[in-house]
Amino acid sequence: FTIMRNFKLWQSIVQEASTAPMAIVKFLCCVYATKTFFVDVTYCPGPSMLPTMNTSGGSGDVVLTDRFSPRLGRIGRGDIVVVRSPENPRKLITKRIIAMENDNI
């Protein structure tokens, strides 16, 4: 009888111990999917986006960037985009689209 009680005790401990890590793994998977496919948080320093984005005092703005619209081709004139710098691929730059393909400037 005591062996069965100890087994049930250990079974409940193992079950509870496996529930918490699974919740953490599910949460991290949701964060990864959201950041990869839907929205991302981006820090935008520098004066190139004044006055749209507040960069006074060198603090910059923290913005949510939409990752869904580019996949659907919904980028247009006047939109602000975040792209990798051609000079330093580890750096992100923020620019406003002023013209589209085949536009004359």
N, C-alpha and C. Protein backbone atom coordinates (compact mmCIF):
# COMPACT_ATOMS: atom_id res chain seq x y z
N PHE A 1 0.83 -1.21 0.00
CA PHE A 1 0.00 0.00 0.00
C PHE A 1 0.87 1.26 0.00
N THR A 2 1.94 1.28 0.78
CA THR A 2 2.81 2.46 0.82
C THR A 2 3.55 2.65 -0.49
N ILE A 3 3.86 1.56 -1.18
CA ILE A 3 4.52 1.68 -2.48
C ILE A 3 3.60 2.37 -3.48
N MET A 4 2.34 2.02 -3.46
CA MET A 4 1.37 2.63 -4.35
C MET A 4 1.18 4.11 -4.03
N ARG A 5 1.17 4.46 -2.74
CA ARG A 5 1.01 5.86 -2.34
C ARG A 5 2.23 6.66 -2.77
N ASN A 6 3.44 6.09 -2.59
CA ASN A 6 4.65 6.78 -3.04
C ASN A 6 4.67 6.93 -4.56
N PHE A 7 4.21 5.92 -5.28
CA PHE A 7 4.14 6.00 -6.73
C PHE A 7 3.22 7.13 -7.17
N LYS A 8 2.06 7.25 -6.55
CA LYS A 8 1.12 8.31 -6.89
C LYS A 8 1.71 9.68 -6.55
N LEU A 9 2.43 9.76 -5.44
CA LEU A 9 3.07 11.01 -5.05
C LEU A 9 4.11 11.40 -6.10
N TRP A 10 4.96 10.46 -6.49
CA TRP A 10 5.98 10.75 -7.50
C TRP A 10 5.35 11.04 -8.85
N GLN A 11 4.29 10.37 -9.17
CA GLN A 11 3.60 10.60 -10.43
C GLN A 11 3.05 12.03 -10.49
N SER A 12 2.47 12.51 -9.39
CA SER A 12 1.95 13.88 -9.37
C SER A 12 3.08 14.90 -9.42
N ILE A 13 4.21 14.59 -8.77
CA ILE A 13 5.36 15.52 -8.81
C ILE A 13 5.91 15.61 -10.23
N VAL A 14 6.07 14.51 -10.90
CA VAL A 14 6.58 14.50 -12.27
C VAL A 14 5.61 15.20 -13.22
N GLN A 15 4.33 14.95 -13.02
CA GLN A 15 3.33 15.58 -13.88
C GLN A 15 3.34 17.10 -13.70
N GLU A 16 3.43 17.57 -12.49
CA GLU A 16 3.47 19.01 -12.23
C GLU A 16 4.77 19.62 -12.73
N ALA A 17 5.88 18.90 -12.59
CA ALA A 17 7.17 19.42 -13.05
C ALA A 17 7.24 19.52 -14.56
N SER A 18 6.51 18.67 -15.26
CA SER A 18 6.53 18.74 -16.72
C SER A 18 5.54 19.76 -17.27
N THR A 19 4.58 20.20 -16.49
CA THR A 19 3.58 21.15 -16.96
C THR A 19 4.17 22.56 -17.09
N ALA A 20 4.94 23.00 -16.12
CA ALA A 20 5.50 24.36 -16.14
C ALA A 20 6.46 24.56 -17.31
N PRO A 21 7.43 23.67 -17.54
CA PRO A 21 8.30 23.87 -18.71
C PRO A 21 7.55 23.85 -20.04
N MET A 22 6.52 23.04 -20.14
CA MET A 22 5.74 23.01 -21.39
C MET A 22 5.03 24.35 -21.61
N ALA A 23 4.56 24.96 -20.55
CA ALA A 23 3.92 26.27 -20.68
C ALA A 23 4.93 27.31 -21.14
N ILE A 24 6.14 27.23 -20.62
CA ILE A 24 7.20 28.17 -21.02
C ILE A 24 7.57 27.94 -22.48
N VAL A 25 7.70 26.69 -22.89
CA VAL A 25 8.03 26.39 -24.29
C VAL A 25 6.93 26.88 -25.23
N LYS A 26 5.68 26.69 -24.87
CA LYS A 26 4.57 27.17 -25.70
C LYS A 26 4.59 28.69 -25.80
N PHE A 27 4.87 29.37 -24.68
CA PHE A 27 4.94 30.83 -24.69
C PHE A 27 6.07 31.30 -25.60
N LEU A 28 7.25 30.69 -25.49
CA LEU A 28 8.38 31.09 -26.32
C LEU A 28 8.12 30.82 -27.80
N CYS A 29 7.41 29.75 -28.12
CA CYS A 29 7.04 29.47 -29.51
C CYS A 29 6.09 30.55 -30.04
N CYS A 30 5.15 30.98 -29.21
CA CYS A 30 4.22 32.05 -29.62
C CYS A 30 4.97 33.37 -29.83
N VAL A 31 5.91 33.68 -28.96
CA VAL A 31 6.70 34.90 -29.11
C VAL A 31 7.51 34.85 -30.39
N TYR A 32 8.15 33.71 -30.66
CA TYR A 32 8.95 33.55 -31.87
C TYR A 32 8.09 33.72 -33.13
N ALA A 33 6.94 33.06 -33.17
CA ALA A 33 6.07 33.14 -34.34
C ALA A 33 5.55 34.57 -34.53
N THR A 34 5.18 35.22 -33.45
CA THR A 34 4.68 36.60 -33.54
C THR A 34 5.77 37.53 -34.05
N LYS A 35 6.97 37.39 -33.50
CA LYS A 35 8.08 38.27 -33.90
C LYS A 35 8.53 37.99 -35.33
N THR A 36 8.46 36.77 -35.77
CA THR A 36 8.91 36.42 -37.11
C THR A 36 7.90 36.76 -38.19
N PHE A 37 6.61 36.55 -37.93
CA PHE A 37 5.61 36.67 -38.99
C PHE A 37 4.66 37.86 -38.87
N PHE A 38 4.48 38.44 -37.69
CA PHE A 38 3.46 39.47 -37.54
C PHE A 38 4.01 40.84 -37.15
N VAL A 39 4.56 41.00 -35.97
CA VAL A 39 5.09 42.29 -35.53
C VAL A 39 6.43 42.09 -34.83
N ASP A 40 7.23 43.16 -34.83
CA ASP A 40 8.51 43.13 -34.15
C ASP A 40 8.71 44.50 -33.50
N VAL A 41 9.50 44.54 -32.47
CA VAL A 41 9.83 45.79 -31.80
C VAL A 41 11.16 46.27 -32.34
N THR A 42 11.21 47.53 -32.78
CA THR A 42 12.42 48.08 -33.38
C THR A 42 12.76 49.41 -32.74
N TYR A 43 14.04 49.63 -32.47
CA TYR A 43 14.54 50.89 -31.94
C TYR A 43 15.02 51.74 -33.11
N CYS A 44 14.53 52.98 -33.22
CA CYS A 44 14.84 53.86 -34.35
C CYS A 44 15.58 55.11 -33.87
N PRO A 45 16.91 55.06 -33.77
CA PRO A 45 17.67 56.25 -33.40
C PRO A 45 18.01 57.08 -34.64
N GLY A 46 18.50 58.28 -34.42
CA GLY A 46 18.97 59.10 -35.53
C GLY A 46 17.96 60.13 -36.00
N PRO A 47 18.45 61.18 -36.66
CA PRO A 47 17.58 62.30 -37.06
C PRO A 47 16.90 62.14 -38.42
N SER A 48 17.11 61.04 -39.13
CA SER A 48 16.59 60.96 -40.49
C SER A 48 15.07 60.93 -40.56
N MET A 49 14.39 60.57 -39.48
CA MET A 49 12.93 60.47 -39.51
C MET A 49 12.24 61.62 -38.76
N LEU A 50 12.96 62.69 -38.44
CA LEU A 50 12.33 63.84 -37.80
C LEU A 50 11.37 64.50 -38.78
N PRO A 51 10.27 65.04 -38.44
CA PRO A 51 9.64 65.10 -37.13
C PRO A 51 8.69 63.94 -36.86
N THR A 52 8.61 62.96 -37.79
CA THR A 52 7.67 61.85 -37.61
C THR A 52 8.01 61.03 -36.37
N MET A 53 9.29 60.72 -36.21
CA MET A 53 9.73 59.95 -35.04
C MET A 53 10.58 60.83 -34.16
N ASN A 54 10.32 60.77 -32.87
CA ASN A 54 10.99 61.62 -31.91
C ASN A 54 12.39 61.08 -31.63
N THR A 55 13.40 61.86 -32.02
CA THR A 55 14.77 61.46 -31.72
C THR A 55 15.48 62.54 -30.91
N SER A 56 14.72 63.42 -30.28
CA SER A 56 15.35 64.49 -29.51
C SER A 56 16.11 63.93 -28.32
N GLY A 57 17.26 64.49 -28.08
CA GLY A 57 18.06 64.03 -26.95
C GLY A 57 18.78 62.73 -27.23
N GLY A 58 18.75 62.27 -28.49
CA GLY A 58 19.44 61.05 -28.85
C GLY A 58 18.77 59.78 -28.34
N SER A 59 17.54 59.92 -27.82
CA SER A 59 16.90 58.75 -27.24
C SER A 59 16.26 57.85 -28.30
N GLY A 60 15.75 58.42 -29.37
CA GLY A 60 15.10 57.62 -30.40
C GLY A 60 13.72 57.15 -29.99
N ASP A 61 13.07 56.44 -30.87
CA ASP A 61 11.74 55.88 -30.63
C ASP A 61 11.79 54.36 -30.70
N VAL A 62 10.93 53.74 -29.94
CA VAL A 62 10.73 52.30 -30.03
C VAL A 62 9.38 52.11 -30.70
N VAL A 63 9.38 51.42 -31.85
CA VAL A 63 8.16 51.27 -32.63
C VAL A 63 7.87 49.80 -32.91
N LEU A 64 6.59 49.50 -33.15
CA LEU A 64 6.20 48.16 -33.60
C LEU A 64 6.22 48.15 -35.12
N THR A 65 6.94 47.21 -35.69
CA THR A 65 7.00 47.12 -37.14
C THR A 65 6.14 45.95 -37.61
N ASP A 66 5.38 46.20 -38.66
CA ASP A 66 4.47 45.21 -39.23
C ASP A 66 5.25 44.31 -40.19
N ARG A 67 5.24 43.03 -39.96
CA ARG A 67 5.93 42.09 -40.85
C ARG A 67 4.95 41.38 -41.79
N PHE A 68 3.68 41.67 -41.64
CA PHE A 68 2.66 40.97 -42.43
C PHE A 68 2.41 41.66 -43.77
N SER A 69 2.35 42.98 -43.79
CA SER A 69 2.05 43.73 -45.01
C SER A 69 3.07 43.51 -46.13
N PRO A 70 4.38 43.48 -45.85
CA PRO A 70 5.32 43.24 -46.96
C PRO A 70 5.11 41.88 -47.64
N ARG A 71 4.69 40.90 -46.88
CA ARG A 71 4.45 39.57 -47.47
C ARG A 71 3.24 39.60 -48.41
N LEU A 72 2.33 40.53 -48.18
CA LEU A 72 1.14 40.65 -49.03
C LEU A 72 1.32 41.69 -50.13
N GLY A 73 2.46 42.37 -50.15
CA GLY A 73 2.71 43.39 -51.16
C GLY A 73 1.98 44.68 -50.91
N ARG A 74 1.70 44.99 -49.66
CA ARG A 74 0.92 46.19 -49.32
C ARG A 74 1.83 47.33 -48.84
N ILE A 75 2.92 47.56 -49.50
CA ILE A 75 3.80 48.67 -49.16
C ILE A 75 3.59 49.74 -50.21
N GLY A 76 3.40 50.98 -49.77
CA GLY A 76 3.13 52.05 -50.71
C GLY A 76 3.85 53.34 -50.37
N ARG A 77 3.63 54.31 -51.20
CA ARG A 77 4.24 55.63 -51.03
C ARG A 77 3.83 56.24 -49.70
N GLY A 78 4.80 56.74 -48.95
CA GLY A 78 4.54 57.36 -47.66
C GLY A 78 4.72 56.41 -46.48
N ASP A 79 4.84 55.12 -46.73
CA ASP A 79 5.05 54.16 -45.65
C ASP A 79 6.47 54.27 -45.11
N ILE A 80 6.62 53.94 -43.85
CA ILE A 80 7.94 53.89 -43.22
C ILE A 80 8.35 52.43 -43.15
N VAL A 81 9.56 52.14 -43.62
CA VAL A 81 10.05 50.76 -43.65
C VAL A 81 11.33 50.66 -42.84
N VAL A 82 11.56 49.48 -42.30
CA VAL A 82 12.80 49.18 -41.59
C VAL A 82 13.51 48.10 -42.39
N VAL A 83 14.73 48.41 -42.83
CA VAL A 83 15.50 47.48 -43.66
C VAL A 83 16.91 47.35 -43.12
N ARG A 84 17.62 46.32 -43.57
CA ARG A 84 19.02 46.14 -43.19
C ARG A 84 19.89 47.10 -43.99
N SER A 85 20.88 47.68 -43.32
CA SER A 85 21.79 48.60 -43.98
C SER A 85 22.66 47.85 -44.98
N PRO A 86 22.83 48.40 -46.19
CA PRO A 86 23.71 47.72 -47.16
C PRO A 86 25.18 47.79 -46.74
N GLU A 87 25.54 48.81 -45.96
CA GLU A 87 26.93 48.95 -45.52
C GLU A 87 27.25 48.06 -44.33
N ASN A 88 26.28 47.90 -43.42
CA ASN A 88 26.47 47.07 -42.23
C ASN A 88 25.21 46.21 -42.03
N PRO A 89 25.22 44.98 -42.52
CA PRO A 89 24.01 44.14 -42.47
C PRO A 89 23.50 43.84 -41.06
N ARG A 90 24.30 44.08 -40.04
CA ARG A 90 23.83 43.86 -38.67
C ARG A 90 23.03 45.05 -38.14
N LYS A 91 23.00 46.14 -38.89
CA LYS A 91 22.33 47.37 -38.47
C LYS A 91 21.03 47.55 -39.25
N LEU A 92 19.95 47.97 -38.55
CA LEU A 92 18.68 48.27 -39.19
C LEU A 92 18.56 49.76 -39.41
N ILE A 93 18.01 50.16 -40.55
CA ILE A 93 17.79 51.58 -40.82
C ILE A 93 16.31 51.79 -41.11
N THR A 94 15.83 52.99 -40.80
CA THR A 94 14.42 53.35 -40.99
C THR A 94 14.33 54.41 -42.07
N LYS A 95 13.51 54.18 -43.08
CA LYS A 95 13.34 55.13 -44.18
C LYS A 95 11.88 55.22 -44.58
N ARG A 96 11.52 56.36 -45.20
CA ARG A 96 10.17 56.57 -45.73
C ARG A 96 10.21 56.35 -47.24
N ILE A 97 9.22 55.65 -47.76
CA ILE A 97 9.14 55.42 -49.21
C ILE A 97 8.55 56.66 -49.85
N ILE A 98 9.32 57.25 -50.79
CA ILE A 98 8.84 58.46 -51.47
C ILE A 98 8.42 58.16 -52.91
N ALA A 99 8.85 57.03 -53.44
CA ALA A 99 8.47 56.66 -54.81
C ALA A 99 8.40 55.15 -54.92
N MET A 100 7.62 54.70 -55.86
CA MET A 100 7.48 53.27 -56.12
C MET A 100 8.13 52.95 -57.47
N GLU A 101 8.14 51.71 -57.82
CA GLU A 101 8.73 51.27 -59.07
C GLU A 101 8.08 52.00 -60.24
N ASN A 102 8.87 52.44 -61.19
CA ASN A 102 8.47 53.14 -62.41
C ASN A 102 8.00 54.58 -62.16
N ASP A 103 8.19 55.13 -60.95
CA ASP A 103 7.87 56.53 -60.68
C ASP A 103 9.05 57.41 -61.10
N ASN A 104 8.75 58.63 -61.57
CA ASN A 104 9.79 59.61 -61.88
C ASN A 104 9.91 60.59 -60.73
N ILE A 105 11.14 60.83 -60.31
CA ILE A 105 11.36 61.76 -59.18
C ILE A 105 12.00 63.02 -59.72
